[in-house]
Amino acid sequence: MSFAIYVVGYLILIAGVIYLAHLMHIPQHYIIAVAVILAGVGVVTGVQSTRQKDPN
């Protein structure tokens, strides 16, 4: 459940950054690159924060 919260939060963040970049007339290929990078950071952060420690 906590991972889903991270995903939703990062999707809102990415949507906001994309909208702001569009309003600033930044070229579309830069916007797509930033969105992909932010999605990767979101997945890595979500997995690191929500994974269970190995009991060994």
Protein backbone atom coordinates (compact mmCIF):
# COMPACT_ATOMS: atom_id res chain seq x y z
CA MET A 1 0.00 0.00 0.00
CA SER A 2 2.83 2.39 0.81
CA PHE A 3 4.37 1.85 -2.63
CA ALA A 4 1.08 2.89 -4.23
CA ILE A 5 1.22 6.14 -2.27
CA TYR A 6 4.74 6.78 -3.62
CA VAL A 7 3.56 6.07 -7.17
CA VAL A 8 0.60 8.43 -6.89
CA GLY A 9 2.76 11.14 -5.36
CA TYR A 10 5.39 10.90 -8.06
CA LEU A 11 2.75 10.87 -10.80
CA ILE A 12 1.35 14.13 -9.42
CA LEU A 13 4.88 15.56 -9.23
CA ILE A 14 5.67 14.51 -12.80
CA ALA A 15 2.38 15.94 -14.09
CA GLY A 16 3.12 19.25 -12.38
CA VAL A 17 6.64 19.43 -13.77
CA ILE A 18 5.40 18.59 -17.27
CA TYR A 19 2.71 21.25 -17.09
CA LEU A 20 5.14 23.87 -15.83
CA ALA A 21 7.67 22.99 -18.52
CA HIS A 22 4.94 23.24 -21.16
CA LEU A 23 3.97 26.69 -19.89
CA MET A 24 7.62 27.73 -20.09
CA HIS A 25 7.73 26.63 -23.77
CA ILE A 26 10.48 24.08 -23.17
CA PRO A 27 10.93 21.74 -26.16
CA GLN A 28 8.93 18.53 -25.97
CA HIS A 29 11.92 16.17 -26.13
CA TYR A 30 13.37 17.78 -22.99
CA ILE A 31 10.03 17.43 -21.22
CA ILE A 32 9.85 13.74 -22.11
CA ALA A 33 13.43 13.15 -20.95
CA VAL A 34 12.76 14.82 -17.60
CA ALA A 35 9.55 12.82 -17.16
CA VAL A 36 11.38 9.53 -17.79
CA ILE A 37 14.15 10.48 -15.36
CA LEU A 38 11.64 11.47 -12.67
CA ALA A 39 9.73 8.22 -13.18
CA GLY A 40 12.95 6.26 -12.67
CA VAL A 41 13.79 8.20 -9.54
CA GLY A 42 10.26 7.63 -8.27
CA VAL A 43 10.44 3.87 -8.73
CA VAL A 44 13.85 3.61 -7.09
CA THR A 45 12.80 5.78 -4.15
CA GLY A 46 9.54 3.89 -3.70
CA VAL A 47 11.22 0.50 -3.76
CA GLN A 48 13.94 1.57 -1.34
CA SER A 49 11.41 3.00 1.10
CA THR A 50 8.86 0.20 1.02
CA ARG A 51 10.91 -2.98 0.70
CA GLN A 52 11.11 -5.31 3.65
CA LYS A 53 14.50 -6.04 5.17
CA ASP A 54 15.77 -9.59 4.73
CA PRO A 55 15.40 -11.45 8.06
CA ASN A 56 18.76 -13.23 7.59
